[in-house]
Amino acid sequence: MGKLIVTEFLTLDGVAQAPGEPDEDREGGFNHGGWQMPLLDDASGAVMFQQASSMDALLLGHKTYDIFAGFWPKAPADIPFTGLLNGVPKYVASRTLTEPLAWANSSLVSGDLAERVTEM
């Protein structure tokens, strides 16, 4: 049996919203997009990559898939995550997306999510 490991970018006050670009997730009037980028450095990036490099696949929600699929397929090859994220299978949980999904190696997970993840 495999492991499902959840990785989340979360502020100390409980904000779990897109950390990368200032405009990538404005839902609910959130105006602090990009909060994480000024805090990253080479050491933290290396730790995140080391942890992620052992993954066999990604399980994404619709919104995260849209954000990732809009960036990673065109991301510079010198970013270590580019090859990793583009190469692994991606499973996307959504009730509104339809296949085929645009990002290579992406498959839609529909129906009962707990049941489907257990099958995977």
PDB file of N, CA and C in Angstrom:
ATOM      1  N   MET A   1       0.838  -1.166   0.000  1.00  0.00           N
ATOM      2  CA  MET A   1       0.000   0.000   0.000  1.00  0.00           C
ATOM      3  C   MET A   1       0.889   1.236   0.000  1.00  0.00           C
ATOM      4  N   GLY A   2       0.508   2.216  -0.792  1.00  0.00           N
ATOM      5  CA  GLY A   2       1.253   3.464  -0.857  1.00  0.00           C
ATOM      6  C   GLY A   2       0.845   4.430   0.234  1.00  0.00           C
ATOM      7  N   LYS A   3       1.554   5.535   0.302  1.00  0.00           N
ATOM      8  CA  LYS A   3       1.254   6.590   1.260  1.00  0.00           C
ATOM      9  C   LYS A   3       0.711   7.798   0.510  1.00  0.00           C
ATOM     10  N   LEU A   4      -0.232   8.462   1.115  1.00  0.00           N
ATOM     11  CA  LEU A   4      -0.700   9.743   0.621  1.00  0.00           C
ATOM     12  C   LEU A   4      -0.128  10.788   1.563  1.00  0.00           C
ATOM     13  N   ILE A   5       0.782  11.596   1.050  1.00  0.00           N
ATOM     14  CA  ILE A   5       1.435  12.624   1.855  1.00  0.00           C
ATOM     15  C   ILE A   5       0.903  13.973   1.408  1.00  0.00           C
ATOM     16  N   VAL A   6       0.393  14.727   2.362  1.00  0.00           N
ATOM     17  CA  VAL A   6      -0.168  16.043   2.075  1.00  0.00           C
ATOM     18  C   VAL A   6       0.883  17.094   2.364  1.00  0.00           C
ATOM     19  N   THR A   7       1.130  17.943   1.382  1.00  0.00           N
ATOM     20  CA  THR A   7       2.020  19.080   1.552  1.00  0.00           C
ATOM     21  C   THR A   7       1.195  20.329   1.355  1.00  0.00           C
ATOM     22  N   GLU A   8       1.298  21.236   2.301  1.00  0.00           N
ATOM     23  CA  GLU A   8       0.485  22.439   2.235  1.00  0.00           C
ATOM     24  C   GLU A   8       1.331  23.637   2.646  1.00  0.00           C
ATOM     25  N   PHE A   9       1.159  24.736   1.931  1.00  0.00           N
ATOM     26  CA  PHE A   9       1.797  25.984   2.309  1.00  0.00           C
ATOM     27  C   PHE A   9       0.795  26.741   3.168  1.00  0.00           C
ATOM     28  N   LEU A  10       1.148  26.923   4.434  1.00  0.00           N
ATOM     29  CA  LEU A  10       0.214  27.471   5.404  1.00  0.00           C
ATOM     30  C   LEU A  10       0.918  28.527   6.247  1.00  0.00           C
ATOM     31  N   THR A  11       0.263  29.683   6.402  1.00  0.00           N
ATOM     32  CA  THR A  11       0.830  30.708   7.271  1.00  0.00           C
ATOM     33  C   THR A  11       0.535  30.358   8.732  1.00  0.00           C
ATOM     34  N   LEU A  12       1.234  30.991   9.650  1.00  0.00           N
ATOM     35  CA  LEU A  12       1.023  30.728  11.075  1.00  0.00           C
ATOM     36  C   LEU A  12      -0.382  31.094  11.535  1.00  0.00           C
ATOM     37  N   ASP A  13      -1.037  32.006  10.817  1.00  0.00           N
ATOM     38  CA  ASP A  13      -2.402  32.376  11.198  1.00  0.00           C
ATOM     39  C   ASP A  13      -3.454  31.596  10.406  1.00  0.00           C
ATOM     40  N   GLY A  14      -3.040  30.528   9.733  1.00  0.00           N
ATOM     41  CA  GLY A  14      -3.989  29.603   9.124  1.00  0.00           C
ATOM     42  C   GLY A  14      -4.378  29.871   7.686  1.00  0.00           C
ATOM     43  N   VAL A  15      -3.677  30.736   6.972  1.00  0.00           N
ATOM     44  CA  VAL A  15      -4.005  30.991   5.568  1.00  0.00           C
ATOM     45  C   VAL A  15      -3.389  29.900   4.707  1.00  0.00           C
ATOM     46  N   ALA A  16      -4.241  29.190   3.986  1.00  0.00           N
ATOM     47  CA  ALA A  16      -3.793  28.148   3.061  1.00  0.00           C
ATOM     48  C   ALA A  16      -4.261  28.554   1.670  1.00  0.00           C
ATOM     49  N   GLN A  17      -3.590  29.530   1.119  1.00  0.00           N
ATOM     50  CA  GLN A  17      -3.979  30.067  -0.178  1.00  0.00           C
ATOM     51  C   GLN A  17      -2.722  30.214  -1.014  1.00  0.00           C
ATOM     52  N   ALA A  18      -2.888  30.281  -2.312  1.00  0.00           N
ATOM     53  CA  ALA A  18      -1.757  30.297  -3.237  1.00  0.00           C
ATOM     54  C   ALA A  18      -0.653  31.246  -2.781  1.00  0.00           C
ATOM     55  N   PRO A  19       0.575  30.729  -2.597  1.00  0.00           N
ATOM     56  CA  PRO A  19       1.656  31.540  -2.059  1.00  0.00           C
ATOM     57  C   PRO A  19       2.566  32.177  -3.101  1.00  0.00           C
ATOM     58  N   GLY A  20       2.423  31.812  -4.381  1.00  0.00           N
ATOM     59  CA  GLY A  20       3.431  32.166  -5.369  1.00  0.00           C
ATOM     60  C   GLY A  20       3.378  33.549  -5.957  1.00  0.00           C
ATOM     61  N   GLU A  21       2.355  33.863  -6.685  1.00  0.00           N
ATOM     62  CA  GLU A  21       2.254  35.132  -7.403  1.00  0.00           C
ATOM     63  C   GLU A  21       1.177  36.007  -6.774  1.00  0.00           C
ATOM     64  N   PRO A  22       1.357  37.312  -6.757  1.00  0.00           N
ATOM     65  CA  PRO A  22       0.380  38.200  -6.117  1.00  0.00           C
ATOM     66  C   PRO A  22      -1.050  38.073  -6.656  1.00  0.00           C
ATOM     67  N   ASP A  23      -1.203  37.713  -7.915  1.00  0.00           N
ATOM     68  CA  ASP A  23      -2.545  37.653  -8.498  1.00  0.00           C
ATOM     69  C   ASP A  23      -3.062  36.246  -8.759  1.00  0.00           C
ATOM     70  N   GLU A  24      -2.363  35.204  -8.287  1.00  0.00           N
ATOM     71  CA  GLU A  24      -2.770  33.867  -8.686  1.00  0.00           C
ATOM     72  C   GLU A  24      -4.003  33.332  -7.967  1.00  0.00           C
ATOM     73  N   ASP A  25      -4.398  33.902  -6.836  1.00  0.00           N
ATOM     74  CA  ASP A  25      -5.573  33.390  -6.132  1.00  0.00           C
ATOM     75  C   ASP A  25      -6.198  34.514  -5.309  1.00  0.00           C
ATOM     76  N   ARG A  26      -7.129  35.228  -5.914  1.00  0.00           N
ATOM     77  CA  ARG A  26      -7.767  36.374  -5.254  1.00  0.00           C
ATOM     78  C   ARG A  26      -9.114  36.007  -4.633  1.00  0.00           C
ATOM     79  N   GLU A  27      -9.454  34.726  -4.606  1.00  0.00           N
ATOM     80  CA  GLU A  27     -10.749  34.283  -4.100  1.00  0.00           C
ATOM     81  C   GLU A  27     -11.027  34.813  -2.695  1.00  0.00           C
ATOM     82  N   GLY A  28     -12.258  35.233  -2.462  1.00  0.00           N
ATOM     83  CA  GLY A  28     -12.676  35.714  -1.156  1.00  0.00           C
ATOM     84  C   GLY A  28     -12.071  37.056  -0.775  1.00  0.00           C
ATOM     85  N   GLY A  29     -11.593  37.813  -1.772  1.00  0.00           N
ATOM     86  CA  GLY A  29     -11.003  39.110  -1.487  1.00  0.00           C
ATOM     87  C   GLY A  29      -9.596  39.043  -0.923  1.00  0.00           C
ATOM     88  N   PHE A  30      -8.960  37.878  -1.035  1.00  0.00           N
ATOM     89  CA  PHE A  30      -7.595  37.698  -0.519  1.00  0.00           C
ATOM     90  C   PHE A  30      -6.640  38.595  -1.293  1.00  0.00           C
ATOM     91  N   ASN A  31      -5.945  39.472  -0.604  1.00  0.00           N
ATOM     92  CA  ASN A  31      -5.053  40.396  -1.305  1.00  0.00           C
ATOM     93  C   ASN A  31      -3.599  40.260  -0.854  1.00  0.00           C
ATOM     94  N   HIS A  32      -3.233  39.073  -0.354  1.00  0.00           N
ATOM     95  CA  HIS A  32      -1.861  38.853   0.091  1.00  0.00           C
ATOM     96  C   HIS A  32      -1.174  37.758  -0.722  1.00  0.00           C
ATOM     97  N   GLY A  33      -1.592  37.597  -1.973  1.00  0.00           N
ATOM     98  CA  GLY A  33      -0.944  36.616  -2.836  1.00  0.00           C
ATOM     99  C   GLY A  33       0.545  36.906  -2.928  1.00  0.00           C
ATOM    100  N   GLY A  34       1.311  35.862  -3.098  1.00  0.00           N
ATOM    101  CA  GLY A  34       2.755  36.012  -3.188  1.00  0.00           C
ATOM    102  C   GLY A  34       3.429  36.120  -1.829  1.00  0.00           C
ATOM    103  N   TRP A  35       2.696  35.818  -0.760  1.00  0.00           N
ATOM    104  CA  TRP A  35       3.228  35.969   0.596  1.00  0.00           C
ATOM    105  C   TRP A  35       4.470  35.130   0.847  1.00  0.00           C
ATOM    106  N   GLN A  36       4.596  34.007   0.154  1.00  0.00           N
ATOM    107  CA  GLN A  36       5.709  33.104   0.442  1.00  0.00           C
ATOM    108  C   GLN A  36       6.984  33.459  -0.317  1.00  0.00           C
ATOM    109  N   MET A  37       6.853  33.990  -1.497  1.00  0.00           N
ATOM    110  CA  MET A  37       8.018  34.200  -2.348  1.00  0.00           C
ATOM    111  C   MET A  37       9.148  34.996  -1.680  1.00  0.00           C
ATOM    112  N   PRO A  38       8.865  36.089  -0.964  1.00  0.00           N
ATOM    113  CA  PRO A  38       9.976  36.819  -0.334  1.00  0.00           C
ATOM    114  C   PRO A  38      10.677  36.022   0.774  1.00  0.00           C
ATOM    115  N   LEU A  39      10.059  34.958   1.250  1.00  0.00           N
ATOM    116  CA  LEU A  39      10.627  34.180   2.349  1.00  0.00           C
ATOM    117  C   LEU A  39      11.467  32.999   1.873  1.00  0.00           C
ATOM    118  N   LEU A  40      11.399  32.683   0.590  1.00  0.00           N
ATOM    119  CA  LEU A  40      12.149  31.539   0.070  1.00  0.00           C
ATOM    120  C   LEU A  40      13.619  31.881  -0.106  1.00  0.00           C
ATOM    121  N   ASP A  41      14.451  30.889   0.088  1.00  0.00           N
ATOM    122  CA  ASP A  41      15.873  31.021  -0.178  1.00  0.00           C
ATOM    123  C   ASP A  41      16.355  29.685  -0.744  1.00  0.00           C
ATOM    124  N   ASP A  42      17.601  29.611  -1.124  1.00  0.00           N
ATOM    125  CA  ASP A  42      18.132  28.393  -1.731  1.00  0.00           C
ATOM    126  C   ASP A  42      18.020  27.191  -0.795  1.00  0.00           C
ATOM    127  N   ALA A  43      18.267  27.404   0.497  1.00  0.00           N
ATOM    128  CA  ALA A  43      18.220  26.290   1.455  1.00  0.00           C
ATOM    129  C   ALA A  43      16.805  25.730   1.583  1.00  0.00           C
ATOM    130  N   SER A  44      15.790  26.595   1.723  1.00  0.00           N
ATOM    131  CA  SER A  44      14.419  26.085   1.856  1.00  0.00           C
ATOM    132  C   SER A  44      13.948  25.455   0.547  1.00  0.00           C
ATOM    133  N   GLY A  45      14.360  26.030  -0.573  1.00  0.00           N
ATOM    134  CA  GLY A  45      14.013  25.431  -1.862  1.00  0.00           C
ATOM    135  C   GLY A  45      14.617  24.051  -2.023  1.00  0.00           C
ATOM    136  N   ALA A  46      15.850  23.879  -1.567  1.00  0.00           N
ATOM    137  CA  ALA A  46      16.510  22.570  -1.646  1.00  0.00           C
ATOM    138  C   ALA A  46      15.806  21.539  -0.776  1.00  0.00           C
ATOM    139  N   VAL A  47      15.360  21.946   0.408  1.00  0.00           N
ATOM    140  CA  VAL A  47      14.640  21.027   1.297  1.00  0.00           C
ATOM    141  C   VAL A  47      13.314  20.627   0.658  1.00  0.00           C
ATOM    142  N   MET A  48      12.580  21.594   0.112  1.00  0.00           N
ATOM    143  CA  MET A  48      11.299  21.278  -0.533  1.00  0.00           C
ATOM    144  C   MET A  48      11.507  20.340  -1.713  1.00  0.00           C
ATOM    145  N   PHE A  49      12.541  20.578  -2.516  1.00  0.00           N
ATOM    146  CA  PHE A  49      12.795  19.708  -3.663  1.00  0.00           C
ATOM    147  C   PHE A  49      13.196  18.315  -3.207  1.00  0.00           C
ATOM    148  N   GLN A  50      14.033  18.221  -2.187  1.00  0.00           N
ATOM    149  CA  GLN A  50      14.468  16.915  -1.685  1.00  0.00           C
ATOM    150  C   GLN A  50      13.267  16.106  -1.224  1.00  0.00           C
ATOM    151  N   GLN A  51      12.350  16.736  -0.508  1.00  0.00           N
ATOM    152  CA  GLN A  51      11.154  16.034  -0.046  1.00  0.00           C
ATOM    153  C   GLN A  51      10.271  15.628  -1.218  1.00  0.00           C
ATOM    154  N   ALA A  52      10.106  16.508  -2.178  1.00  0.00           N
ATOM    155  CA  ALA A  52       9.217  16.234  -3.314  1.00  0.00           C
ATOM    156  C   ALA A  52       9.812  15.208  -4.275  1.00  0.00           C
ATOM    157  N   SER A  53      11.123  15.096  -4.333  1.00  0.00           N
ATOM    158  CA  SER A  53      11.749  14.240  -5.334  1.00  0.00           C
ATOM    159  C   SER A  53      11.458  12.754  -5.142  1.00  0.00           C
ATOM    160  N   SER A  54      10.925  12.367  -3.996  1.00  0.00           N
ATOM    161  CA  SER A  54      10.599  10.960  -3.781  1.00  0.00           C
ATOM    162  C   SER A  54       9.153  10.628  -4.152  1.00  0.00           C
ATOM    163  N   MET A  55       8.399  11.613  -4.600  1.00  0.00           N
ATOM    164  CA  MET A  55       6.991  11.338  -4.925  1.00  0.00           C
ATOM    165  C   MET A  55       6.865  10.529  -6.205  1.00  0.00           C
ATOM    166  N   ASP A  56       5.822   9.722  -6.240  1.00  0.00           N
ATOM    167  CA  ASP A  56       5.528   8.916  -7.417  1.00  0.00           C
ATOM    168  C   ASP A  56       4.452   9.549  -8.285  1.00  0.00           C
ATOM    169  N   ALA A  57       3.666  10.463  -7.699  1.00  0.00           N
ATOM    170  CA  ALA A  57       2.560  11.095  -8.418  1.00  0.00           C
ATOM    171  C   ALA A  57       2.099  12.311  -7.623  1.00  0.00           C
ATOM    172  N   LEU A  58       1.263  13.114  -8.257  1.00  0.00           N
ATOM    173  CA  LEU A  58       0.628  14.257  -7.597  1.00  0.00           C
ATOM    174  C   LEU A  58      -0.876  14.052  -7.594  1.00  0.00           C
ATOM    175  N   LEU A  59      -1.512  14.392  -6.493  1.00  0.00           N
ATOM    176  CA  LEU A  59      -2.968  14.437  -6.407  1.00  0.00           C
ATOM    177  C   LEU A  59      -3.315  15.899  -6.182  1.00  0.00           C
ATOM    178  N   LEU A  60      -4.013  16.488  -7.139  1.00  0.00           N
ATOM    179  CA  LEU A  60      -4.308  17.918  -7.114  1.00  0.00           C
ATOM    180  C   LEU A  60      -5.797  18.163  -7.176  1.00  0.00           C
ATOM    181  N   GLY A  61      -6.217  19.275  -6.600  1.00  0.00           N
ATOM    182  CA  GLY A  61      -7.577  19.744  -6.795  1.00  0.00           C
ATOM    183  C   GLY A  61      -7.639  20.585  -8.063  1.00  0.00           C
ATOM    184  N   HIS A  62      -8.835  20.940  -8.464  1.00  0.00           N
ATOM    185  CA  HIS A  62      -9.051  21.687  -9.701  1.00  0.00           C
ATOM    186  C   HIS A  62      -8.272  23.001  -9.714  1.00  0.00           C
ATOM    187  N   LYS A  63      -8.386  23.788  -8.660  1.00  0.00           N
ATOM    188  CA  LYS A  63      -7.740  25.102  -8.644  1.00  0.00           C
ATOM    189  C   LYS A  63      -6.219  24.981  -8.691  1.00  0.00           C
ATOM    190  N   THR A  64      -5.661  24.083  -7.873  1.00  0.00           N
ATOM    191  CA  THR A  64      -4.207  23.909  -7.882  1.00  0.00           C
ATOM    192  C   THR A  64      -3.745  23.389  -9.233  1.00  0.00           C
ATOM    193  N   TYR A  65      -4.512  22.475  -9.822  1.00  0.00           N
ATOM    194  CA  TYR A  65      -4.175  21.985 -11.153  1.00  0.00           C
ATOM    195  C   TYR A  65      -4.124  23.152 -12.143  1.00  0.00           C
ATOM    196  N   ASP A  66      -5.131  24.012 -12.131  1.00  0.00           N
ATOM    197  CA  ASP A  66      -5.158  25.144 -13.063  1.00  0.00           C
ATOM    198  C   ASP A  66      -3.927  26.037 -12.885  1.00  0.00           C
ATOM    199  N   ILE A  67      -3.572  26.320 -11.633  1.00  0.00           N
ATOM    200  CA  ILE A  67      -2.407  27.171 -11.372  1.00  0.00           C
ATOM    201  C   ILE A  67      -1.125  26.483 -11.847  1.00  0.00           C
ATOM    202  N   PHE A  68      -0.949  25.227 -11.467  1.00  0.00           N
ATOM    203  CA  PHE A  68       0.251  24.489 -11.858  1.00  0.00           C
ATOM    204  C   PHE A  68       0.325  24.311 -13.372  1.00  0.00           C
ATOM    205  N   ALA A  69      -0.781  23.917 -13.986  1.00  0.00           N
ATOM    206  CA  ALA A  69      -0.799  23.658 -15.434  1.00  0.00           C
ATOM    207  C   ALA A  69      -0.565  24.933 -16.230  1.00  0.00           C
ATOM    208  N   GLY A  70      -0.854  26.072 -15.638  1.00  0.00           N
ATOM    209  CA  GLY A  70      -0.592  27.341 -16.304  1.00  0.00           C
ATOM    210  C   GLY A  70       0.866  27.766 -16.229  1.00  0.00           C
ATOM    211  N   PHE A  71       1.623  27.143 -15.332  1.00  0.00           N
ATOM    212  CA  PHE A  71       3.019  27.541 -15.153  1.00  0.00           C
ATOM    213  C   PHE A  71       4.031  26.454 -15.525  1.00  0.00           C
ATOM    214  N   TRP A  72       3.916  25.273 -14.918  1.00  0.00           N
ATOM    215  CA  TRP A  72       4.986  24.276 -15.009  1.00  0.00           C
ATOM    216  C   TRP A  72       5.265  23.735 -16.404  1.00  0.00           C
ATOM    217  N   PRO A  73       4.291  23.546 -17.278  1.00  0.00           N
ATOM    218  CA  PRO A  73       4.648  23.051 -18.610  1.00  0.00           C
ATOM    219  C   PRO A  73       5.554  24.005 -19.395  1.00  0.00           C
ATOM    220  N   LYS A  74       5.529  25.289 -19.059  1.00  0.00           N
ATOM    221  CA  LYS A  74       6.345  26.288 -19.764  1.00  0.00           C
ATOM    222  C   LYS A  74       7.478  26.823 -18.894  1.00  0.00           C
ATOM    223  N   ALA A  75       7.644  26.273 -17.699  1.00  0.00           N
ATOM    224  CA  ALA A  75       8.649  26.771 -16.769  1.00  0.00           C
ATOM    225  C   ALA A  75      10.060  26.490 -17.280  1.00  0.00           C
ATOM    226  N   PRO A  76      11.010  27.340 -16.912  1.00  0.00           N
ATOM    227  CA  PRO A  76      12.395  27.121 -17.332  1.00  0.00           C
ATOM    228  C   PRO A  76      12.928  25.776 -16.835  1.00  0.00           C
ATOM    229  N   ALA A  77      13.674  25.111 -17.692  1.00  0.00           N
ATOM    230  CA  ALA A  77      14.218  23.791 -17.364  1.00  0.00           C
ATOM    231  C   ALA A  77      15.227  23.838 -16.222  1.00  0.00           C
ATOM    232  N   ASP A  78      15.818  25.005 -15.962  1.00  0.00           N
ATOM    233  CA  ASP A  78      16.820  25.077 -14.898  1.00  0.00           C
ATOM    234  C   ASP A  78      16.203  25.128 -13.497  1.00  0.00           C
ATOM    235  N   ILE A  79      14.877  25.231 -13.400  1.00  0.00           N
ATOM    236  CA  ILE A  79      14.208  25.126 -12.108  1.00  0.00           C
ATOM    237  C   ILE A  79      14.074  23.632 -11.810  1.00  0.00           C
ATOM    238  N   PRO A  80      14.632  23.138 -10.713  1.00  0.00           N
ATOM    239  CA  PRO A  80      14.602  21.698 -10.449  1.00  0.00           C
ATOM    240  C   PRO A  80      13.198  21.083 -10.469  1.00  0.00           C
ATOM    241  N   PHE A  81      12.194  21.815 -10.010  1.00  0.00           N
ATOM    242  CA  PHE A  81      10.838  21.280  -9.973  1.00  0.00           C
ATOM    243  C   PHE A  81      10.233  21.088 -11.362  1.00  0.00           C
ATOM    244  N   THR A  82      10.738  21.767 -12.370  1.00  0.00           N
ATOM    245  CA  THR A  82      10.137  21.698 -13.698  1.00  0.00           C
ATOM    246  C   THR A  82      10.080  20.265 -14.213  1.00  0.00           C
ATOM    247  N   GLY A  83      11.214  19.602 -14.267  1.00  0.00           N
ATOM    248  CA  GLY A  83      11.242  18.227 -14.762  1.00  0.00           C
ATOM    249  C   GLY A  83      10.470  17.278 -13.865  1.00  0.00           C
ATOM    250  N   LEU A  84      10.578  17.487 -12.561  1.00  0.00           N
ATOM    251  CA  LEU A  84       9.885  16.625 -11.611  1.00  0.00           C
ATOM    252  C   LEU A  84       8.376  16.702 -11.794  1.00  0.00           C
ATOM    253  N   LEU A  85       7.824  17.898 -11.751  1.00  0.00           N
ATOM    254  CA  LEU A  85       6.371  18.045 -11.827  1.00  0.00           C
ATOM    255  C   LEU A  85       5.815  17.711 -13.200  1.00  0.00           C
ATOM    256  N   ASN A  86       6.566  17.998 -14.241  1.00  0.00           N
ATOM    257  CA  ASN A  86       6.081  17.652 -15.573  1.00  0.00           C
ATOM    258  C   ASN A  86       6.164  16.162 -15.854  1.00  0.00           C
ATOM    259  N   GLY A  87       7.064  15.461 -15.161  1.00  0.00           N
ATOM    260  CA  GLY A  87       7.280  14.056 -15.441  1.00  0.00           C
ATOM    261  C   GLY A  87       6.390  13.075 -14.694  1.00  0.00           C
ATOM    262  N   VAL A  88       5.962  13.430 -13.478  1.00  0.00           N
ATOM    263  CA  VAL A  88       5.180  12.473 -12.695  1.00  0.00           C
ATOM    264  C   VAL A  88       3.722  12.444 -13.152  1.00  0.00           C
ATOM    265  N   PRO A  89       3.037  11.322 -12.923  1.00  0.00           N
ATOM    266  CA  PRO A  89       1.595  11.285 -13.193  1.00  0.00           C
ATOM    267  C   PRO A  89       0.886  12.275 -12.263  1.00  0.00           C
ATOM    268  N   LYS A  90      -0.132  12.912 -12.806  1.00  0.00           N
ATOM    269  CA  LYS A  90      -0.916  13.873 -12.039  1.00  0.00           C
ATOM    270  C   LYS A  90      -2.369  13.424 -12.043  1.00  0.00           C
ATOM    271  N   TYR A  91      -2.953  13.304 -10.860  1.00  0.00           N
ATOM    272  CA  TYR A  91      -4.351  12.916 -10.713  1.00  0.00           C
ATOM    273  C   TYR A  91      -5.093  14.140 -10.197  1.00  0.00           C
ATOM    274  N   VAL A  92      -6.150  14.517 -10.902  1.00  0.00           N
ATOM    275  CA  VAL A  92      -6.848  15.766 -10.616  1.00  0.00           C
ATOM    276  C   VAL A  92      -8.270  15.468 -10.164  1.00  0.00           C
ATOM    277  N   ALA A  93      -8.567  15.835  -8.918  1.00  0.00           N
ATOM    278  CA  ALA A  93      -9.906  15.653  -8.361  1.00  0.00           C
ATOM    279  C   ALA A  93     -10.765  16.849  -8.752  1.00  0.00           C
ATOM    280  N   SER A  94     -11.813  16.576  -9.513  1.00  0.00           N
ATOM    281  CA  SER A  94     -12.686  17.670  -9.946  1.00  0.00           C
ATOM    282  C   SER A  94     -14.037  17.108 -10.359  1.00  0.00           C
ATOM    283  N   ARG A  95     -15.069  17.883 -10.066  1.00  0.00           N
ATOM    284  CA  ARG A  95     -16.415  17.543 -10.532  1.00  0.00           C
ATOM    285  C   ARG A  95     -16.773  18.320 -11.787  1.00  0.00           C
ATOM    286  N   THR A  96     -15.918  19.271 -12.179  1.00  0.00           N
ATOM    287  CA  THR A  96     -16.261  20.131 -13.312  1.00  0.00           C
ATOM    288  C   THR A  96     -15.313  20.025 -14.498  1.00  0.00           C
ATOM    289  N   LEU A  97     -14.086  19.583 -14.295  1.00  0.00           N
ATOM    290  CA  LEU A  97     -13.163  19.405 -15.418  1.00  0.00           C
ATOM    291  C   LEU A  97     -13.564  18.182 -16.232  1.00  0.00           C
ATOM    292  N   THR A  98     -13.174  18.178 -17.483  1.00  0.00           N
ATOM    293  CA  THR A  98     -13.386  17.010 -18.339  1.00  0.00           C
ATOM    294  C   THR A  98     -12.068  16.652 -19.016  1.00  0.00           C
ATOM    295  N   GLU A  99     -11.946  15.389 -19.365  1.00  0.00           N
ATOM    296  CA  GLU A  99     -10.752  14.942 -20.083  1.00  0.00           C
ATOM    297  C   GLU A  99     -10.957  15.172 -21.567  1.00  0.00           C
ATOM    298  N   PRO A 100      -9.899  15.334 -22.308  1.00  0.00           N
ATOM    299  CA  PRO A 100      -8.501  15.234 -21.898  1.00  0.00           C
ATOM    300  C   PRO A 100      -8.039  16.506 -21.190  1.00  0.00           C
ATOM    301  N   LEU A 101      -7.183  16.325 -20.199  1.00  0.00           N
ATOM    302  CA  LEU A 101      -6.581  17.450 -19.500  1.00  0.00           C
ATOM    303  C   LEU A 101      -5.334  17.885 -20.271  1.00  0.00           C
ATOM    304  N   ALA A 102      -5.088  19.175 -20.283  1.00  0.00           N
ATOM    305  CA  ALA A 102      -4.037  19.731 -21.139  1.00  0.00           C
ATOM    306  C   ALA A 102      -2.615  19.391 -20.684  1.00  0.00           C
ATOM    307  N   TRP A 103      -2.379  19.311 -19.381  1.00  0.00           N
ATOM    308  CA  TRP A 103      -1.026  19.083 -18.880  1.00  0.00           C
ATOM    309  C   TRP A 103      -0.674  17.612 -19.040  1.00  0.00           C
ATOM    310  N   ALA A 104       0.436  17.329 -19.685  1.00  0.00           N
ATOM    311  CA  ALA A 104       0.857  15.948 -19.958  1.00  0.00           C
ATOM    312  C   ALA A 104       0.865  15.113 -18.689  1.00  0.00           C
ATOM    313  N   ASN A 105       0.496  13.859 -18.825  1.00  0.00           N
ATOM    314  CA  ASN A 105       0.472  12.877 -17.732  1.00  0.00           C
ATOM    315  C   ASN A 105      -0.582  13.192 -16.683  1.00  0.00           C
ATOM    316  N   SER A 106      -1.648  13.902 -17.062  1.00  0.00           N
ATOM    317  CA  SER A 106      -2.716  14.253 -16.115  1.00  0.00           C
ATOM    318  C   SER A 106      -3.966  13.436 -16.397  1.00  0.00           C
ATOM    319  N   SER A 107      -4.584  12.943 -15.324  1.00  0.00           N
ATOM    320  CA  SER A 107      -5.809  12.160 -15.427  1.00  0.00           C
ATOM    321  C   SER A 107      -6.832  12.704 -14.446  1.00  0.00           C
ATOM    322  N   LEU A 108      -8.077  12.666 -14.842  1.00  0.00           N
ATOM    323  CA  LEU A 108      -9.166  13.138 -13.999  1.00  0.00           C
ATOM    324  C   LEU A 108      -9.579  12.053 -13.009  1.00  0.00           C
ATOM    325  N   VAL A 109      -9.772  12.450 -11.764  1.00  0.00           N
ATOM    326  CA  VAL A 109     -10.298  11.561 -10.729  1.00  0.00           C
ATOM    327  C   VAL A 109     -11.720  12.033 -10.467  1.00  0.00           C
ATOM    328  N   SER A 110     -12.685  11.215 -10.861  1.00  0.00           N
ATOM    329  CA  SER A 110     -14.078  11.601 -10.663  1.00  0.00           C
ATOM    330  C   SER A 110     -14.758  10.572  -9.766  1.00  0.00           C
ATOM    331  N   GLY A 111     -15.967  10.900  -9.340  1.00  0.00           N
ATOM    332  CA  GLY A 111     -16.693   9.999  -8.460  1.00  0.00           C
ATOM    333  C   GLY A 111     -16.293  10.217  -7.012  1.00  0.00           C
ATOM    334  N   ASP A 112     -16.425   9.180  -6.208  1.00  0.00           N
ATOM    335  CA  ASP A 112     -16.110   9.244  -4.778  1.00  0.00           C
ATOM    336  C   ASP A 112     -14.599   9.324  -4.601  1.00  0.00           C
ATOM    337  N   LEU A 113     -14.118  10.468  -4.129  1.00  0.00           N
ATOM    338  CA  LEU A 113     -12.675  10.704  -4.057  1.00  0.00           C
ATOM    339  C   LEU A 113     -11.971   9.720  -3.122  1.00  0.00           C
ATOM    340  N   ALA A 114     -12.538   9.481  -1.939  1.00  0.00           N
ATOM    341  CA  ALA A 114     -11.903   8.548  -0.998  1.00  0.00           C
ATOM    342  C   ALA A 114     -11.789   7.162  -1.608  1.00  0.00           C
ATOM    343  N   GLU A 115     -12.821   6.737  -2.292  1.00  0.00           N
ATOM    344  CA  GLU A 115     -12.823   5.426  -2.929  1.00  0.00           C
ATOM    345  C   GLU A 115     -11.770   5.361  -4.045  1.00  0.00           C
ATOM    346  N   ARG A 116     -11.727   6.387  -4.862  1.00  0.00           N
ATOM    347  CA  ARG A 116     -10.780   6.412  -5.998  1.00  0.00           C
ATOM    348  C   ARG A 116      -9.327   6.482  -5.519  1.00  0.00           C
ATOM    349  N   VAL A 117      -9.066   7.278  -4.478  1.00  0.00           N
ATOM    350  CA  VAL A 117      -7.691   7.376  -3.958  1.00  0.00           C
ATOM    351  C   VAL A 117      -7.274   6.034  -3.376  1.00  0.00           C
ATOM    352  N   THR A 118      -8.192   5.354  -2.696  1.00  0.00           N
ATOM    353  CA  THR A 118      -7.884   4.031  -2.153  1.00  0.00           C
ATOM    354  C   THR A 118      -7.543   3.061  -3.292  1.00  0.00           C
ATOM    355  N   GLU A 119      -8.253   3.148  -4.405  1.00  0.00           N
ATOM    356  CA  GLU A 119      -7.970   2.301  -5.557  1.00  0.00           C
ATOM    357  C   GLU A 119      -6.582   2.567  -6.121  1.00  0.00           C
ATOM    358  N   MET A 120      -6.182   3.831  -6.120  1.00  0.00           N
ATOM    359  CA  MET A 120      -4.883   4.207  -6.681  1.00  0.00           C
ATOM    360  C   MET A 120      -3.769   3.646  -5.815  1.00  0.00           C
TER     361      MET A 120
END
